[in-house]
PDB file of all heavy atoms in Angstrom:
ATOM      1  N   ARG A   1     -13.760  -5.924   7.603  1.00  0.00           N
ATOM      2  CA  ARG A   1     -13.967  -6.677   6.369  1.00  0.00           C
ATOM      3  C   ARG A   1     -15.156  -6.119   5.590  1.00  0.00           C
ATOM      4  O   ARG A   1     -15.114  -6.012   4.363  1.00  0.00           O
ATOM      5  CB  ARG A   1     -14.171  -8.151   6.690  1.00  0.00           C
ATOM      6  CG  ARG A   1     -14.098  -9.048   5.476  1.00  0.00           C
ATOM      7  CD  ARG A   1     -13.821 -10.487   5.865  1.00  0.00           C
ATOM      8  NE  ARG A   1     -14.835 -11.029   6.761  1.00  0.00           N
ATOM      9  CZ  ARG A   1     -14.592 -11.401   8.015  1.00  0.00           C
ATOM     10  NH1 ARG A   1     -13.374 -11.293   8.518  1.00  0.00           N
ATOM     11  NH2 ARG A   1     -15.559 -11.898   8.763  1.00  0.00           N
ATOM     12  N   VAL A   2     -16.207  -5.746   6.295  1.00  0.00           N
ATOM     13  CA  VAL A   2     -17.369  -5.134   5.635  1.00  0.00           C
ATOM     14  C   VAL A   2     -16.976  -3.802   5.006  1.00  0.00           C
ATOM     15  O   VAL A   2     -17.318  -3.513   3.853  1.00  0.00           O
ATOM     16  CB  VAL A   2     -18.520  -4.955   6.647  1.00  0.00           C
ATOM     17  CG1 VAL A   2     -19.585  -4.011   6.094  1.00  0.00           C
ATOM     18  CG2 VAL A   2     -19.147  -6.304   6.975  1.00  0.00           C
ATOM     19  N   ALA A   3     -16.260  -2.957   5.756  1.00  0.00           N
ATOM     20  CA  ALA A   3     -15.842  -1.655   5.216  1.00  0.00           C
ATOM     21  C   ALA A   3     -14.956  -1.830   3.991  1.00  0.00           C
ATOM     22  O   ALA A   3     -15.108  -1.102   2.993  1.00  0.00           O
ATOM     23  CB  ALA A   3     -15.117  -0.849   6.298  1.00  0.00           C
ATOM     24  N   PHE A   4     -14.041  -2.779   4.045  1.00  0.00           N
ATOM     25  CA  PHE A   4     -13.160  -3.030   2.898  1.00  0.00           C
ATOM     26  C   PHE A   4     -13.982  -3.477   1.689  1.00  0.00           C
ATOM     27  O   PHE A   4     -13.739  -3.028   0.562  1.00  0.00           O
ATOM     28  CB  PHE A   4     -12.137  -4.097   3.271  1.00  0.00           C
ATOM     29  CG  PHE A   4     -11.224  -4.493   2.141  1.00  0.00           C
ATOM     30  CD1 PHE A   4     -10.211  -3.644   1.711  1.00  0.00           C
ATOM     31  CD2 PHE A   4     -11.366  -5.719   1.508  1.00  0.00           C
ATOM     32  CE1 PHE A   4      -9.362  -3.995   0.675  1.00  0.00           C
ATOM     33  CE2 PHE A   4     -10.521  -6.088   0.472  1.00  0.00           C
ATOM     34  CZ  PHE A   4      -9.520  -5.227   0.055  1.00  0.00           C
ATOM     35  N   GLY A   5     -14.965  -4.343   1.902  1.00  0.00           N
ATOM     36  CA  GLY A   5     -15.801  -4.786   0.796  1.00  0.00           C
ATOM     37  C   GLY A   5     -16.600  -3.658   0.172  1.00  0.00           C
ATOM     38  O   GLY A   5     -16.778  -3.613  -1.052  1.00  0.00           O
ATOM     39  N   VAL A   6     -17.070  -2.723   0.999  1.00  0.00           N
ATOM     40  CA  VAL A   6     -17.836  -1.590   0.471  1.00  0.00           C
ATOM     41  C   VAL A   6     -16.944  -0.687  -0.370  1.00  0.00           C
ATOM     42  O   VAL A   6     -17.308  -0.281  -1.486  1.00  0.00           O
ATOM     43  CB  VAL A   6     -18.476  -0.805   1.632  1.00  0.00           C
ATOM     44  CG1 VAL A   6     -19.095   0.499   1.118  1.00  0.00           C
ATOM     45  CG2 VAL A   6     -19.545  -1.647   2.321  1.00  0.00           C
ATOM     46  N   VAL A   7     -15.762  -0.358   0.137  1.00  0.00           N
ATOM     47  CA  VAL A   7     -14.851   0.514  -0.611  1.00  0.00           C
ATOM     48  C   VAL A   7     -14.421  -0.156  -1.910  1.00  0.00           C
ATOM     49  O   VAL A   7     -14.349   0.485  -2.971  1.00  0.00           O
ATOM     50  CB  VAL A   7     -13.629   0.874   0.261  1.00  0.00           C
ATOM     51  CG1 VAL A   7     -12.598   1.664  -0.544  1.00  0.00           C
ATOM     52  CG2 VAL A   7     -14.068   1.693   1.478  1.00  0.00           C
ATOM     53  N   ARG A   8     -14.171  -1.461  -1.872  1.00  0.00           N
ATOM     54  CA  ARG A   8     -13.811  -2.164  -3.100  1.00  0.00           C
ATOM     55  C   ARG A   8     -14.967  -2.149  -4.099  1.00  0.00           C
ATOM     56  O   ARG A   8     -14.760  -1.991  -5.310  1.00  0.00           O
ATOM     57  CB  ARG A   8     -13.428  -3.618  -2.797  1.00  0.00           C
ATOM     58  CG  ARG A   8     -12.113  -3.788  -2.121  1.00  0.00           C
ATOM     59  CD  ARG A   8     -10.949  -3.250  -2.948  1.00  0.00           C
ATOM     60  NE  ARG A   8     -10.915  -3.833  -4.277  1.00  0.00           N
ATOM     61  CZ  ARG A   8     -10.714  -3.128  -5.391  1.00  0.00           C
ATOM     62  NH1 ARG A   8     -10.546  -1.807  -5.340  1.00  0.00           N
ATOM     63  NH2 ARG A   8     -10.679  -3.718  -6.558  1.00  0.00           N
ATOM     64  N   ALA A   9     -16.192  -2.334  -3.616  1.00  0.00           N
ATOM     65  CA  ALA A   9     -17.345  -2.325  -4.524  1.00  0.00           C
ATOM     66  C   ALA A   9     -17.517  -0.965  -5.182  1.00  0.00           C
ATOM     67  O   ALA A   9     -17.852  -0.871  -6.371  1.00  0.00           O
ATOM     68  CB  ALA A   9     -18.614  -2.717  -3.763  1.00  0.00           C
ATOM     69  N   VAL A  10     -17.274   0.101  -4.445  1.00  0.00           N
ATOM     70  CA  VAL A  10     -17.403   1.449  -5.003  1.00  0.00           C
ATOM     71  C   VAL A  10     -16.375   1.665  -6.109  1.00  0.00           C
ATOM     72  O   VAL A  10     -16.680   2.199  -7.181  1.00  0.00           O
ATOM     73  CB  VAL A  10     -17.250   2.504  -3.892  1.00  0.00           C
ATOM     74  CG1 VAL A  10     -17.125   3.900  -4.480  1.00  0.00           C
ATOM     75  CG2 VAL A  10     -18.438   2.442  -2.946  1.00  0.00           C
ATOM     76  N   HIS A  11     -15.140   1.254  -5.874  1.00  0.00           N
ATOM     77  CA  HIS A  11     -14.073   1.532  -6.828  1.00  0.00           C
ATOM     78  C   HIS A  11     -14.006   0.512  -7.965  1.00  0.00           C
ATOM     79  O   HIS A  11     -13.649   0.870  -9.085  1.00  0.00           O
ATOM     80  CB  HIS A  11     -12.725   1.579  -6.100  1.00  0.00           C
ATOM     81  CG  HIS A  11     -12.605   2.741  -5.171  1.00  0.00           C
ATOM     82  ND1 HIS A  11     -11.823   2.737  -4.041  1.00  0.00           N
ATOM     83  CD2 HIS A  11     -13.197   3.968  -5.193  1.00  0.00           C
ATOM     84  CE1 HIS A  11     -11.924   3.900  -3.420  1.00  0.00           C
ATOM     85  NE2 HIS A  11     -12.753   4.664  -4.101  1.00  0.00           N
ATOM     86  N   ALA A  12     -14.327  -0.729  -7.693  1.00  0.00           N
ATOM     87  CA  ALA A  12     -14.197  -1.764  -8.720  1.00  0.00           C
ATOM     88  C   ALA A  12     -15.479  -1.971  -9.519  1.00  0.00           C
ATOM     89  O   ALA A  12     -15.424  -2.355 -10.688  1.00  0.00           O
ATOM     90  CB  ALA A  12     -13.771  -3.084  -8.079  1.00  0.00           C
ATOM     91  N   GLU A  13     -16.634  -1.713  -8.890  1.00  0.00           N
ATOM     92  CA  GLU A  13     -17.908  -1.995  -9.544  1.00  0.00           C
ATOM     93  C   GLU A  13     -18.762  -0.750  -9.748  1.00  0.00           C
ATOM     94  O   GLU A  13     -19.895  -0.854 -10.209  1.00  0.00           O
ATOM     95  CB  GLU A  13     -18.685  -3.017  -8.718  1.00  0.00           C
ATOM     96  CG  GLU A  13     -17.918  -4.306  -8.444  1.00  0.00           C
ATOM     97  CD  GLU A  13     -18.593  -5.170  -7.390  1.00  0.00           C
ATOM     98  OE1 GLU A  13     -19.786  -4.928  -7.106  1.00  0.00           O
ATOM     99  OE2 GLU A  13     -17.930  -6.083  -6.851  1.00  0.00           O
ATOM    100  N   ASP A  14     -18.229   0.418  -9.372  1.00  0.00           N
ATOM    101  CA  ASP A  14     -18.976   1.670  -9.482  1.00  0.00           C
ATOM    102  C   ASP A  14     -20.284   1.592  -8.700  1.00  0.00           C
ATOM    103  O   ASP A  14     -21.314   2.114  -9.117  1.00  0.00           O
ATOM    104  CB  ASP A  14     -19.255   2.005 -10.954  1.00  0.00           C
ATOM    105  CG  ASP A  14     -19.516   3.493 -11.161  1.00  0.00           C
ATOM    106  OD1 ASP A  14     -19.077   4.292 -10.315  1.00  0.00           O
ATOM    107  OD2 ASP A  14     -20.171   3.859 -12.160  1.00  0.00           O
ATOM    108  N   ALA A  15     -20.239   0.927  -7.545  1.00  0.00           N
ATOM    109  CA  ALA A  15     -21.432   0.752  -6.723  1.00  0.00           C
ATOM    110  C   ALA A  15     -21.684   1.994  -5.873  1.00  0.00           C
ATOM    111  O   ALA A  15     -20.807   2.845  -5.695  1.00  0.00           O
ATOM    112  CB  ALA A  15     -21.265  -0.471  -5.827  1.00  0.00           C
ATOM    113  N   TYR A  16     -22.896   2.082  -5.337  1.00  0.00           N
ATOM    114  CA  TYR A  16     -23.269   3.153  -4.422  1.00  0.00           C
ATOM    115  C   TYR A  16     -23.080   2.638  -2.988  1.00  0.00           C
ATOM    116  O   TYR A  16     -23.670   1.626  -2.599  1.00  0.00           O
ATOM    117  CB  TYR A  16     -24.715   3.582  -4.640  1.00  0.00           C
ATOM    118  CG  TYR A  16     -24.931   4.332  -5.928  1.00  0.00           C
ATOM    119  CD1 TYR A  16     -25.289   3.651  -7.096  1.00  0.00           C
ATOM    120  CD2 TYR A  16     -24.772   5.713  -5.992  1.00  0.00           C
ATOM    121  CE1 TYR A  16     -25.493   4.341  -8.284  1.00  0.00           C
ATOM    122  CE2 TYR A  16     -24.970   6.401  -7.175  1.00  0.00           C
ATOM    123  CZ  TYR A  16     -25.324   5.714  -8.311  1.00  0.00           C
ATOM    124  OH  TYR A  16     -25.514   6.386  -9.492  1.00  0.00           O
ATOM    125  N   ALA A  17     -22.267   3.345  -2.221  1.00  0.00           N
ATOM    126  CA  ALA A  17     -21.941   2.878  -0.877  1.00  0.00           C
ATOM    127  C   ALA A  17     -23.177   2.758  -0.004  1.00  0.00           C
ATOM    128  O   ALA A  17     -23.300   1.821   0.787  1.00  0.00           O
ATOM    129  CB  ALA A  17     -20.930   3.828  -0.225  1.00  0.00           C
ATOM    130  N   ASN A  18     -24.112   3.703  -0.133  1.00  0.00           N
ATOM    131  CA  ASN A  18     -25.288   3.670   0.728  1.00  0.00           C
ATOM    132  C   ASN A  18     -26.218   2.510   0.405  1.00  0.00           C
ATOM    133  O   ASN A  18     -27.070   2.150   1.221  1.00  0.00           O
ATOM    134  CB  ASN A  18     -26.061   4.994   0.627  1.00  0.00           C
ATOM    135  CG  ASN A  18     -26.609   5.233  -0.766  1.00  0.00           C
ATOM    136  OD1 ASN A  18     -25.915   5.004  -1.765  1.00  0.00           O
ATOM    137  ND2 ASN A  18     -27.839   5.684  -0.857  1.00  0.00           N
ATOM    138  N   LEU A  19     -26.065   1.906  -0.770  1.00  0.00           N
ATOM    139  CA  LEU A  19     -26.859   0.729  -1.116  1.00  0.00           C
ATOM    140  C   LEU A  19     -26.135  -0.562  -0.757  1.00  0.00           C
ATOM    141  O   LEU A  19     -26.775  -1.553  -0.386  1.00  0.00           O
ATOM    142  CB  LEU A  19     -27.188   0.728  -2.613  1.00  0.00           C
ATOM    143  CG  LEU A  19     -27.980   1.930  -3.134  1.00  0.00           C
ATOM    144  CD1 LEU A  19     -28.249   1.784  -4.627  1.00  0.00           C
ATOM    145  CD2 LEU A  19     -29.292   2.092  -2.374  1.00  0.00           C
ATOM    146  N   VAL A  20     -24.822  -0.556  -0.856  1.00  0.00           N
ATOM    147  CA  VAL A  20     -24.048  -1.765  -0.589  1.00  0.00           C
ATOM    148  C   VAL A  20     -23.886  -2.002   0.904  1.00  0.00           C
ATOM    149  O   VAL A  20     -23.989  -3.136   1.390  1.00  0.00           O
ATOM    150  CB  VAL A  20     -22.667  -1.674  -1.275  1.00  0.00           C
ATOM    151  CG1 VAL A  20     -21.793  -2.867  -0.907  1.00  0.00           C
ATOM    152  CG2 VAL A  20     -22.831  -1.590  -2.779  1.00  0.00           C
ATOM    153  N   LEU A  21     -23.643  -0.941   1.665  1.00  0.00           N
ATOM    154  CA  LEU A  21     -23.281  -1.090   3.073  1.00  0.00           C
ATOM    155  C   LEU A  21     -24.366  -1.782   3.907  1.00  0.00           C
ATOM    156  O   LEU A  21     -24.059  -2.737   4.632  1.00  0.00           O
ATOM    157  CB  LEU A  21     -22.918   0.267   3.667  1.00  0.00           C
ATOM    158  CG  LEU A  21     -22.539   0.269   5.148  1.00  0.00           C
ATOM    159  CD1 LEU A  21     -21.282  -0.570   5.384  1.00  0.00           C
ATOM    160  CD2 LEU A  21     -22.323   1.686   5.653  1.00  0.00           C
ATOM    161  N   PRO A  22     -25.636  -1.352   3.873  1.00  0.00           N
ATOM    162  CA  PRO A  22     -26.636  -2.015   4.728  1.00  0.00           C
ATOM    163  C   PRO A  22     -26.747  -3.508   4.457  1.00  0.00           C
ATOM    164  O   PRO A  22     -26.873  -4.306   5.392  1.00  0.00           O
ATOM    165  CB  PRO A  22     -27.936  -1.273   4.387  1.00  0.00           C
ATOM    166  CG  PRO A  22     -27.502   0.057   3.875  1.00  0.00           C
ATOM    167  CD  PRO A  22     -26.226  -0.204   3.142  1.00  0.00           C
ATOM    168  N   ALA A  23     -26.696  -3.897   3.190  1.00  0.00           N
ATOM    169  CA  ALA A  23     -26.805  -5.316   2.866  1.00  0.00           C
ATOM    170  C   ALA A  23     -25.619  -6.095   3.425  1.00  0.00           C
ATOM    171  O   ALA A  23     -25.775  -7.207   3.952  1.00  0.00           O
ATOM    172  CB  ALA A  23     -26.893  -5.495   1.353  1.00  0.00           C
ATOM    173  N   ARG A  24     -24.418  -5.537   3.341  1.00  0.00           N
ATOM    174  CA  ARG A  24     -23.241  -6.242   3.854  1.00  0.00           C
ATOM    175  C   ARG A  24     -23.251  -6.291   5.379  1.00  0.00           C
ATOM    176  O   ARG A  24     -22.767  -7.259   5.974  1.00  0.00           O
ATOM    177  CB  ARG A  24     -21.968  -5.565   3.338  1.00  0.00           C
ATOM    178  CG  ARG A  24     -21.747  -5.792   1.841  1.00  0.00           C
ATOM    179  CD  ARG A  24     -20.459  -5.150   1.362  1.00  0.00           C
ATOM    180  NE  ARG A  24     -20.232  -5.435  -0.053  1.00  0.00           N
ATOM    181  CZ  ARG A  24     -19.473  -6.416  -0.521  1.00  0.00           C
ATOM    182  NH1 ARG A  24     -18.881  -7.229   0.339  1.00  0.00           N
ATOM    183  NH2 ARG A  24     -19.311  -6.599  -1.814  1.00  0.00           N
ATOM    184  N   ILE A  25     -23.764  -5.257   6.020  1.00  0.00           N
ATOM    185  CA  ILE A  25     -23.877  -5.284   7.482  1.00  0.00           C
ATOM    186  C   ILE A  25     -24.827  -6.395   7.918  1.00  0.00           C
ATOM    187  O   ILE A  25     -24.539  -7.146   8.859  1.00  0.00           O
ATOM    188  CB  ILE A  25     -24.344  -3.912   8.005  1.00  0.00           C
ATOM    189  CG1 ILE A  25     -23.208  -2.896   7.898  1.00  0.00           C
ATOM    190  CG2 ILE A  25     -24.821  -4.022   9.452  1.00  0.00           C
ATOM    191  CD1 ILE A  25     -23.599  -1.494   8.307  1.00  0.00           C
ATOM    192  N   ARG A  26     -25.952  -6.513   7.230  1.00  0.00           N
ATOM    193  CA  ARG A  26     -26.897  -7.579   7.575  1.00  0.00           C
ATOM    194  C   ARG A  26     -26.308  -8.955   7.274  1.00  0.00           C
ATOM    195  O   ARG A  26     -26.491  -9.903   8.050  1.00  0.00           O
ATOM    196  CB  ARG A  26     -28.204  -7.375   6.815  1.00  0.00           C
ATOM    197  CG  ARG A  26     -29.030  -6.198   7.302  1.00  0.00           C
ATOM    198  CD  ARG A  26     -30.421  -6.226   6.712  1.00  0.00           C
ATOM    199  NE  ARG A  26     -30.386  -5.980   5.278  1.00  0.00           N
ATOM    200  CZ  ARG A  26     -30.502  -4.785   4.726  1.00  0.00           C
ATOM    201  NH1 ARG A  26     -30.645  -3.711   5.504  1.00  0.00           N
ATOM    202  NH2 ARG A  26     -30.480  -4.622   3.429  1.00  0.00           N
ATOM    203  N   GLN A  27     -25.604  -9.074   6.153  1.00  0.00           N
ATOM    204  CA  GLN A  27     -25.016 -10.355   5.790  1.00  0.00           C
ATOM    205  C   GLN A  27     -23.972 -10.789   6.813  1.00  0.00           C
ATOM    206  O   GLN A  27     -23.869 -11.979   7.140  1.00  0.00           O
ATOM    207  CB  GLN A  27     -24.380 -10.256   4.407  1.00  0.00           C
ATOM    208  CG  GLN A  27     -23.800 -11.562   3.881  1.00  0.00           C
ATOM    209  CD  GLN A  27     -23.192 -11.408   2.496  1.00  0.00           C
ATOM    210  OE1 GLN A  27     -23.075 -10.295   1.981  1.00  0.00           O
ATOM    211  NE2 GLN A  27     -22.813 -12.515   1.894  1.00  0.00           N
ATOM    212  N   ALA A  28     -23.194  -9.847   7.327  1.00  0.00           N
ATOM    213  CA  ALA A  28     -22.172 -10.159   8.328  1.00  0.00           C
ATOM    214  C   ALA A  28     -22.743 -10.255   9.738  1.00  0.00           C
ATOM    215  O   ALA A  28     -22.021 -10.629  10.664  1.00  0.00           O
ATOM    216  CB  ALA A  28     -21.063  -9.106   8.295  1.00  0.00           C
ATOM    217  N   ARG A  29     -24.017  -9.878   9.916  1.00  0.00           N
ATOM    218  CA  ARG A  29     -24.688  -9.931  11.214  1.00  0.00           C
ATOM    219  C   ARG A  29     -23.928  -9.136  12.266  1.00  0.00           C
ATOM    220  O   ARG A  29     -23.686  -9.601  13.381  1.00  0.00           O
ATOM    221  CB  ARG A  29     -24.865 -11.386  11.665  1.00  0.00           C
ATOM    222  CG  ARG A  29     -25.736 -12.213  10.727  1.00  0.00           C
ATOM    223  CD  ARG A  29     -25.906 -13.633  11.224  1.00  0.00           C
ATOM    224  NE  ARG A  29     -26.764 -14.398  10.331  1.00  0.00           N
ATOM    225  CZ  ARG A  29     -27.074 -15.677  10.506  1.00  0.00           C
ATOM    226  NH1 ARG A  29     -26.588 -16.333  11.557  1.00  0.00           N
ATOM    227  NH2 ARG A  29     -27.856 -16.294   9.644  1.00  0.00           N
ATOM    228  N   LEU A  30     -23.558  -7.928  11.895  1.00  0.00           N
ATOM    229  CA  LEU A  30     -22.850  -7.068  12.835  1.00  0.00           C
ATOM    230  C   LEU A  30     -23.810  -6.527  13.878  1.00  0.00           C
ATOM    231  O   LEU A  30     -24.964  -6.197  13.573  1.00  0.00           O
ATOM    232  CB  LEU A  30     -22.191  -5.897  12.090  1.00  0.00           C
ATOM    233  CG  LEU A  30     -21.157  -6.237  11.015  1.00  0.00           C
ATOM    234  CD1 LEU A  30     -20.547  -4.958  10.470  1.00  0.00           C
ATOM    235  CD2 LEU A  30     -20.077  -7.162  11.545  1.00  0.00           C
ATOM    236  N   ASP A  31     -23.341  -6.420  15.102  1.00  0.00           N
ATOM    237  CA  ASP A  31     -24.153  -5.770  16.114  1.00  0.00           C
ATOM    238  C   ASP A  31     -24.094  -4.261  15.925  1.00  0.00           C
ATOM    239  O   ASP A  31     -23.429  -3.756  15.016  1.00  0.00           O
ATOM    240  CB  ASP A  31     -23.702  -6.177  17.521  1.00  0.00           C
ATOM    241  CG  ASP A  31     -22.241  -5.837  17.803  1.00  0.00           C
ATOM    242  OD1 ASP A  31     -21.686  -4.934  17.131  1.00  0.00           O
ATOM    243  OD2 ASP A  31     -21.640  -6.463  18.692  1.00  0.00           O
ATOM    244  N   ARG A  32     -24.783  -3.550  16.779  1.00  0.00           N
ATOM    245  CA  ARG A  32     -24.912  -2.102  16.591  1.00  0.00           C
ATOM    246  C   ARG A  32     -23.548  -1.413  16.641  1.00  0.00           C
ATOM    247  O   ARG A  32     -23.260  -0.541  15.823  1.00  0.00           O
ATOM    248  CB  ARG A  32     -25.824  -1.524  17.665  1.00  0.00           C
ATOM    249  CG  ARG A  32     -25.964  -0.020  17.608  1.00  0.00           C
ATOM    250  CD  ARG A  32     -26.884   0.485  18.686  1.00  0.00           C
ATOM    251  NE  ARG A  32     -26.917   1.936  18.715  1.00  0.00           N
ATOM    252  CZ  ARG A  32     -27.613   2.643  19.584  1.00  0.00           C
ATOM    253  NH1 ARG A  32     -28.332   2.027  20.505  1.00  0.00           N
ATOM    254  NH2 ARG A  32     -27.590   3.958  19.544  1.00  0.00           N
ATOM    255  N   ARG A  33     -22.704  -1.823  17.581  1.00  0.00           N
ATOM    256  CA  ARG A  33     -21.394  -1.169  17.715  1.00  0.00           C
ATOM    257  C   ARG A  33     -20.531  -1.415  16.487  1.00  0.00           C
ATOM    258  O   ARG A  33     -19.939  -0.483  15.932  1.00  0.00           O
ATOM    259  CB  ARG A  33     -20.701  -1.677  18.967  1.00  0.00           C
ATOM    260  CG  ARG A  33     -19.319  -1.070  19.192  1.00  0.00           C
ATOM    261  CD  ARG A  33     -18.703  -1.617  20.466  1.00  0.00           C
ATOM    262  NE  ARG A  33     -17.372  -1.088  20.693  1.00  0.00           N
ATOM    263  CZ  ARG A  33     -16.599  -1.419  21.732  1.00  0.00           C
ATOM    264  NH1 ARG A  33     -17.052  -2.288  22.617  1.00  0.00           N
ATOM    265  NH2 ARG A  33     -15.402  -0.888  21.868  1.00  0.00           N
ATOM    266  N   ASP A  34     -20.441  -2.659  16.054  1.00  0.00           N
ATOM    267  CA  ASP A  34     -19.622  -2.968  14.881  1.00  0.00           C
ATOM    268  C   ASP A  34     -20.213  -2.353  13.616  1.00  0.00           C
ATOM    269  O   ASP A  34     -19.477  -1.950  12.706  1.00  0.00           O
ATOM    270  CB  ASP A  34     -19.494  -4.481  14.720  1.00  0.00           C
ATOM    271  CG  ASP A  34     -18.516  -5.082  15.718  1.00  0.00           C
ATOM    272  OD1 ASP A  34     -17.743  -4.315  16.318  1.00  0.00           O
ATOM    273  OD2 ASP A  34     -18.535  -6.311  15.904  1.00  0.00           O
ATOM    274  N   ALA A  35     -21.545  -2.292  13.529  1.00  0.00           N
ATOM    275  CA  ALA A  35     -22.169  -1.668  12.365  1.00  0.00           C
ATOM    276  C   ALA A  35     -21.815  -0.189  12.286  1.00  0.00           C
ATOM    277  O   ALA A  35     -21.536   0.349  11.200  1.00  0.00           O
ATOM    278  CB  ALA A  35     -23.685  -1.856  12.413  1.00  0.00           C
ATOM    279  N   GLY A  36     -21.822   0.480  13.444  1.00  0.00           N
ATOM    280  CA  GLY A  36     -21.432   1.886  13.453  1.00  0.00           C
ATOM    281  C   GLY A  36     -19.978   2.083  13.082  1.00  0.00           C
ATOM    282  O   GLY A  36     -19.633   3.029  12.360  1.00  0.00           O
ATOM    283  N   PHE A  37     -19.111   1.182  13.548  1.00  0.00           N
ATOM    284  CA  PHE A  37     -17.685   1.276  13.202  1.00  0.00           C
ATOM    285  C   PHE A  37     -17.485   1.055  11.709  1.00  0.00           C
ATOM    286  O   PHE A  37     -16.745   1.799  11.051  1.00  0.00           O
ATOM    287  CB  PHE A  37     -16.892   0.242  14.003  1.00  0.00           C
ATOM    288  CG  PHE A  37     -15.413   0.294  13.762  1.00  0.00           C
ATOM    289  CD1 PHE A  37     -14.601   1.137  14.504  1.00  0.00           C
ATOM    290  CD2 PHE A  37     -14.815  -0.500  12.795  1.00  0.00           C
ATOM    291  CE1 PHE A  37     -13.229   1.197  14.289  1.00  0.00           C
ATOM    292  CE2 PHE A  37     -13.453  -0.449  12.561  1.00  0.00           C
ATOM    293  CZ  PHE A  37     -12.660   0.403  13.309  1.00  0.00           C
ATOM    294  N   ALA A  38     -18.129   0.031  11.154  1.00  0.00           N
ATOM    295  CA  ALA A  38     -17.997  -0.241   9.717  1.00  0.00           C
ATOM    296  C   ALA A  38     -18.528   0.918   8.886  1.00  0.00           C
ATOM    297  O   ALA A  38     -17.952   1.268   7.843  1.00  0.00           O
ATOM    298  CB  ALA A  38     -18.734  -1.529   9.358  1.00  0.00           C
ATOM    299  N   THR A  39     -19.609   1.537   9.346  1.00  0.00           N
ATOM    300  CA  THR A  39     -20.187   2.663   8.612  1.00  0.00           C
ATOM    301  C   THR A  39     -19.228   3.841   8.568  1.00  0.00           C
ATOM    302  O   THR A  39     -18.975   4.425   7.510  1.00  0.00           O
ATOM    303  CB  THR A  39     -21.521   3.080   9.258  1.00  0.00           C
ATOM    304  OG1 THR A  39     -22.430   1.977   9.217  1.00  0.00           O
ATOM    305  CG2 THR A  39     -22.130   4.266   8.521  1.00  0.00           C
ATOM    306  N   GLU A  40     -18.682   4.210   9.725  1.00  0.00           N
ATOM    307  CA  GLU A  40     -17.747   5.342   9.763  1.00  0.00           C
ATOM    308  C   GLU A  40     -16.476   5.031   8.991  1.00  0.00           C
ATOM    309  O   GLU A  40     -15.929   5.894   8.300  1.00  0.00           O
ATOM    310  CB  GLU A  40     -17.418   5.697  11.215  1.00  0.00           C
ATOM    311  CG  GLU A  40     -16.247   6.653  11.375  1.00  0.00           C
ATOM    312  CD  GLU A  40     -16.409   7.950  10.585  1.00  0.00           C
ATOM    313  OE1 GLU A  40     -17.564   8.379  10.366  1.00  0.00           O
ATOM    314  OE2 GLU A  40     -15.379   8.522  10.185  1.00  0.00           O
ATOM    315  N   LEU A  41     -15.995   3.790   9.086  1.00  0.00           N
ATOM    316  CA  LEU A  41     -14.759   3.439   8.394  1.00  0.00           C
ATOM    317  C   LEU A  41     -14.945   3.493   6.885  1.00  0.00           C
ATOM    318  O   LEU A  41     -14.096   4.027   6.165  1.00  0.00           O
ATOM    319  CB  LEU A  41     -14.294   2.049   8.821  1.00  0.00           C
ATOM    320  CG  LEU A  41     -12.985   1.541   8.216  1.00  0.00           C
ATOM    321  CD1 LEU A  41     -11.852   2.536   8.441  1.00  0.00           C
ATOM    322  CD2 LEU A  41     -12.613   0.182   8.807  1.00  0.00           C
ATOM    323  N   ALA A  42     -16.053   2.969   6.394  1.00  0.00           N
ATOM    324  CA  ALA A  42     -16.286   2.967   4.943  1.00  0.00           C
ATOM    325  C   ALA A  42     -16.575   4.375   4.430  1.00  0.00           C
ATOM    326  O   ALA A  42     -15.929   4.853   3.485  1.00  0.00           O
ATOM    327  CB  ALA A  42     -17.449   2.032   4.604  1.00  0.00           C
ATOM    328  N   TYR A  43     -17.545   5.045   5.042  1.00  0.00           N
ATOM    329  CA  TYR A  43     -17.911   6.380   4.569  1.00  0.00           C
ATOM    330  C   TYR A  43     -16.782   7.378   4.791  1.00  0.00           C
ATOM    331  O   TYR A  43     -16.523   8.242   3.940  1.00  0.00           O
ATOM    332  CB  TYR A  43     -19.175   6.863   5.278  1.00  0.00           C
ATOM    333  CG  TYR A  43     -20.445   6.198   4.823  1.00  0.00           C
ATOM    334  CD1 TYR A  43     -21.625   6.325   5.551  1.00  0.00           C
ATOM    335  CD2 TYR A  43     -20.494   5.444   3.653  1.00  0.00           C
ATOM    336  CE1 TYR A  43     -22.800   5.728   5.134  1.00  0.00           C
ATOM    337  CE2 TYR A  43     -21.652   4.839   3.238  1.00  0.00           C
ATOM    338  CZ  TYR A  43     -22.810   4.982   3.977  1.00  0.00           C
ATOM    339  OH  TYR A  43     -23.974   4.393   3.560  1.00  0.00           O
ATOM    340  N   GLY A  44     -16.114   7.301   5.942  1.00  0.00           N
ATOM    341  CA  GLY A  44     -15.026   8.234   6.217  1.00  0.00           C
ATOM    342  C   GLY A  44     -13.860   8.070   5.254  1.00  0.00           C
ATOM    343  O   GLY A  44     -13.257   9.051   4.823  1.00  0.00           O
ATOM    344  N   THR A  45     -13.558   6.821   4.897  1.00  0.00           N
ATOM    345  CA  THR A  45     -12.491   6.580   3.928  1.00  0.00           C
ATOM    346  C   THR A  45     -12.854   7.169   2.576  1.00  0.00           C
ATOM    347  O   THR A  45     -12.013   7.791   1.906  1.00  0.00           O
ATOM    348  CB  THR A  45     -12.230   5.075   3.799  1.00  0.00           C
ATOM    349  OG1 THR A  45     -11.818   4.560   5.074  1.00  0.00           O
ATOM    350  CG2 THR A  45     -11.148   4.795   2.771  1.00  0.00           C
TER     351      THR A  45
END
């Protein structure tokens, strides 16, 4: 869900992924493993 929100923000709002992703990870309170998965999924996509 975090990765999807980041990709949507980049395409719909012209956002910067490296600025959006950390805030969404903290907001979702992802642990280290899930944060790494969300990071690779968003950036890799």
